[in-house]
Amino acid sequence: MSFFISNAMAEAGAASQPGIFEVLFPFIILFVVFYFLLIRPQSKRAKEHRKLVEALAKGDEVMTQGGIYGKITEVGEEALTVEIADNLQVKVQRAAVASVLPKGTLKNL
């Protein structure tokens, strides 16, 4: 097989193998970029939403993820009872609350 590759070229190619750091460096940089652009902001938003859901109380005016506005009338372990109109109450999961509105917002809608 020496007629395809000369001996001098074969020896030079074997001596210049990249080290482990040179091989892993692009993967490390890629992981750092993913962490700061995707993973960290996502976990920060999840933490803020978990804090918001834990702080829900009776009388809070909320908007659900489905876009329904209402006032919390009853707070349970897993669900909330939300009054969306006069004498019309619905049960929603606590996690379905997207945001807590300032007091008096429902009167202006």
C-alpha atoms as a PDB file:
ATOM      1  CA  MET A   1       0.000   0.000   0.000  1.00  0.00           C
ATOM      2  CA  SER A   2       2.956   2.355   0.018  1.00  0.00           C
ATOM      3  CA  PHE A   3       2.235   3.423  -3.547  1.00  0.00           C
ATOM      4  CA  PHE A   4      -0.883   5.385  -2.359  1.00  0.00           C
ATOM      5  CA  ILE A   5       0.730   7.247   0.547  1.00  0.00           C
ATOM      6  CA  SER A   6       4.380   7.973   0.797  1.00  0.00           C
ATOM      7  CA  ASN A   7       6.141   7.031   4.045  1.00  0.00           C
ATOM      8  CA  ALA A   8       7.000  10.670   4.804  1.00  0.00           C
ATOM      9  CA  MET A   9       3.353  11.747   4.593  1.00  0.00           C
ATOM     10  CA  ALA A  10       2.193   8.855   6.764  1.00  0.00           C
ATOM     11  CA  GLU A  11       4.675   9.724   9.508  1.00  0.00           C
ATOM     12  CA  ALA A  12       3.785  13.432   9.469  1.00  0.00           C
ATOM     13  CA  GLY A  13       0.039  12.723   9.684  1.00  0.00           C
ATOM     14  CA  ALA A  14       0.383  10.401  12.676  1.00  0.00           C
ATOM     15  CA  ALA A  15       2.440  12.890  14.681  1.00  0.00           C
ATOM     16  CA  SER A  16      -0.081  15.765  14.484  1.00  0.00           C
ATOM     17  CA  GLN A  17      -3.126  14.306  16.266  1.00  0.00           C
ATOM     18  CA  PRO A  18      -5.190  16.887  18.174  1.00  0.00           C
ATOM     19  CA  GLY A  19      -5.261  16.785  21.946  1.00  0.00           C
ATOM     20  CA  ILE A  20      -8.357  16.108  24.032  1.00  0.00           C
ATOM     21  CA  PHE A  21      -8.801  19.810  24.853  1.00  0.00           C
ATOM     22  CA  GLU A  22      -8.795  20.760  21.163  1.00  0.00           C
ATOM     23  CA  VAL A  23     -11.478  18.154  20.475  1.00  0.00           C
ATOM     24  CA  LEU A  24     -13.763  19.049  23.424  1.00  0.00           C
ATOM     25  CA  PHE A  25     -13.390  22.844  23.277  1.00  0.00           C
ATOM     26  CA  PRO A  26     -16.126  23.428  20.620  1.00  0.00           C
ATOM     27  CA  PHE A  27     -18.568  21.259  22.599  1.00  0.00           C
ATOM     28  CA  ILE A  28     -17.840  23.158  25.810  1.00  0.00           C
ATOM     29  CA  ILE A  29     -18.422  26.500  24.069  1.00  0.00           C
ATOM     30  CA  LEU A  30     -21.678  25.176  22.565  1.00  0.00           C
ATOM     31  CA  PHE A  31     -22.926  24.016  25.981  1.00  0.00           C
ATOM     32  CA  VAL A  32     -22.123  27.397  27.564  1.00  0.00           C
ATOM     33  CA  VAL A  33     -24.016  29.227  24.817  1.00  0.00           C
ATOM     34  CA  PHE A  34     -27.042  26.916  25.217  1.00  0.00           C
ATOM     35  CA  TYR A  35     -26.962  27.378  28.982  1.00  0.00           C
ATOM     36  CA  PHE A  36     -27.031  31.177  28.869  1.00  0.00           C
ATOM     37  CA  LEU A  37     -29.454  31.503  25.935  1.00  0.00           C
ATOM     38  CA  LEU A  38     -31.912  28.656  26.615  1.00  0.00           C
ATOM     39  CA  ILE A  39     -31.599  26.801  29.908  1.00  0.00           C
ATOM     40  CA  ARG A  40     -31.040  29.662  32.368  1.00  0.00           C
ATOM     41  CA  PRO A  41     -33.876  31.955  31.153  1.00  0.00           C
ATOM     42  CA  GLN A  42     -36.302  29.013  31.032  1.00  0.00           C
ATOM     43  CA  SER A  43     -35.554  27.957  34.603  1.00  0.00           C
ATOM     44  CA  LYS A  44     -35.797  31.585  35.759  1.00  0.00           C
ATOM     45  CA  ARG A  45     -39.277  31.948  34.218  1.00  0.00           C
ATOM     46  CA  ALA A  46     -40.381  28.635  35.736  1.00  0.00           C
ATOM     47  CA  LYS A  47     -39.189  29.746  39.171  1.00  0.00           C
ATOM     48  CA  GLU A  48     -41.075  33.063  38.888  1.00  0.00           C
ATOM     49  CA  HIS A  49     -44.280  31.279  37.794  1.00  0.00           C
ATOM     50  CA  ARG A  50     -44.000  28.773  40.662  1.00  0.00           C
ATOM     51  CA  LYS A  51     -43.623  31.692  43.094  1.00  0.00           C
ATOM     52  CA  LEU A  52     -46.669  33.448  41.566  1.00  0.00           C
ATOM     53  CA  VAL A  53     -48.820  30.293  41.840  1.00  0.00           C
ATOM     54  CA  GLU A  54     -47.841  29.725  45.477  1.00  0.00           C
ATOM     55  CA  ALA A  55     -48.787  33.310  46.408  1.00  0.00           C
ATOM     56  CA  LEU A  56     -52.350  33.173  45.014  1.00  0.00           C
ATOM     57  CA  ALA A  57     -55.010  34.167  47.531  1.00  0.00           C
ATOM     58  CA  LYS A  58     -58.758  34.689  47.721  1.00  0.00           C
ATOM     59  CA  GLY A  59     -59.787  38.009  46.151  1.00  0.00           C
ATOM     60  CA  ASP A  60     -56.911  38.187  43.651  1.00  0.00           C
ATOM     61  CA  GLU A  61     -57.842  39.138  40.108  1.00  0.00           C
ATOM     62  CA  VAL A  62     -56.167  36.800  37.639  1.00  0.00           C
ATOM     63  CA  MET A  63     -55.872  35.941  33.980  1.00  0.00           C
ATOM     64  CA  THR A  64     -55.609  32.280  33.004  1.00  0.00           C
ATOM     65  CA  GLN A  65     -53.459  30.905  30.217  1.00  0.00           C
ATOM     66  CA  GLY A  66     -56.637  30.548  28.172  1.00  0.00           C
ATOM     67  CA  GLY A  67     -57.250  34.303  28.395  1.00  0.00           C
ATOM     68  CA  ILE A  68     -60.094  34.170  30.913  1.00  0.00           C
ATOM     69  CA  TYR A  69     -60.216  37.027  33.417  1.00  0.00           C
ATOM     70  CA  GLY A  70     -61.715  36.442  36.842  1.00  0.00           C
ATOM     71  CA  LYS A  71     -61.565  36.866  40.589  1.00  0.00           C
ATOM     72  CA  ILE A  72     -60.475  34.033  42.893  1.00  0.00           C
ATOM     73  CA  THR A  73     -63.273  33.053  45.265  1.00  0.00           C
ATOM     74  CA  GLU A  74     -61.831  29.854  46.692  1.00  0.00           C
ATOM     75  CA  VAL A  75     -58.287  28.514  46.945  1.00  0.00           C
ATOM     76  CA  GLY A  76     -57.585  24.781  47.087  1.00  0.00           C
ATOM     77  CA  GLU A  77     -54.512  22.590  47.112  1.00  0.00           C
ATOM     78  CA  GLU A  78     -54.539  21.839  43.368  1.00  0.00           C
ATOM     79  CA  ALA A  79     -57.365  24.020  42.013  1.00  0.00           C
ATOM     80  CA  LEU A  80     -58.887  27.471  42.306  1.00  0.00           C
ATOM     81  CA  THR A  81     -62.463  28.596  41.942  1.00  0.00           C
ATOM     82  CA  VAL A  82     -62.563  31.688  39.762  1.00  0.00           C
ATOM     83  CA  GLU A  83     -65.648  33.871  39.313  1.00  0.00           C
ATOM     84  CA  ILE A  84     -65.676  35.016  35.700  1.00  0.00           C
ATOM     85  CA  ALA A  85     -69.139  36.648  35.741  1.00  0.00           C
ATOM     86  CA  ASP A  86     -71.968  37.233  38.219  1.00  0.00           C
ATOM     87  CA  ASN A  87     -72.920  33.841  39.692  1.00  0.00           C
ATOM     88  CA  LEU A  88     -70.643  32.005  37.214  1.00  0.00           C
ATOM     89  CA  GLN A  89     -67.710  30.205  38.763  1.00  0.00           C
ATOM     90  CA  VAL A  90     -65.243  27.811  37.175  1.00  0.00           C
ATOM     91  CA  LYS A  91     -62.558  25.601  38.645  1.00  0.00           C
ATOM     92  CA  VAL A  92     -59.089  25.906  37.157  1.00  0.00           C
ATOM     93  CA  GLN A  93     -55.745  24.380  38.018  1.00  0.00           C
ATOM     94  CA  ARG A  94     -53.405  26.601  39.975  1.00  0.00           C
ATOM     95  CA  ALA A  95     -50.757  26.283  37.266  1.00  0.00           C
ATOM     96  CA  ALA A  96     -53.219  27.599  34.651  1.00  0.00           C
ATOM     97  CA  VAL A  97     -52.968  31.111  36.095  1.00  0.00           C
ATOM     98  CA  ALA A  98     -50.807  33.200  33.771  1.00  0.00           C
ATOM     99  CA  SER A  99     -50.718  36.445  35.744  1.00  0.00           C
ATOM    100  CA  VAL A 100     -52.141  38.312  38.698  1.00  0.00           C
ATOM    101  CA  LEU A 101     -53.780  41.590  37.727  1.00  0.00           C
ATOM    102  CA  PRO A 102     -53.778  44.830  39.719  1.00  0.00           C
ATOM    103  CA  LYS A 103     -56.835  45.358  41.923  1.00  0.00           C
ATOM    104  CA  GLY A 104     -59.763  46.933  40.069  1.00  0.00           C
ATOM    105  CA  THR A 105     -58.729  45.739  36.612  1.00  0.00           C
ATOM    106  CA  LEU A 106     -61.903  43.696  36.110  1.00  0.00           C
ATOM    107  CA  LYS A 107     -64.089  46.758  36.621  1.00  0.00           C
ATOM    108  CA  ASN A 108     -62.367  48.502  33.720  1.00  0.00           C
ATOM    109  CA  LEU A 109     -62.854  45.616  31.272  1.00  0.00           C
END
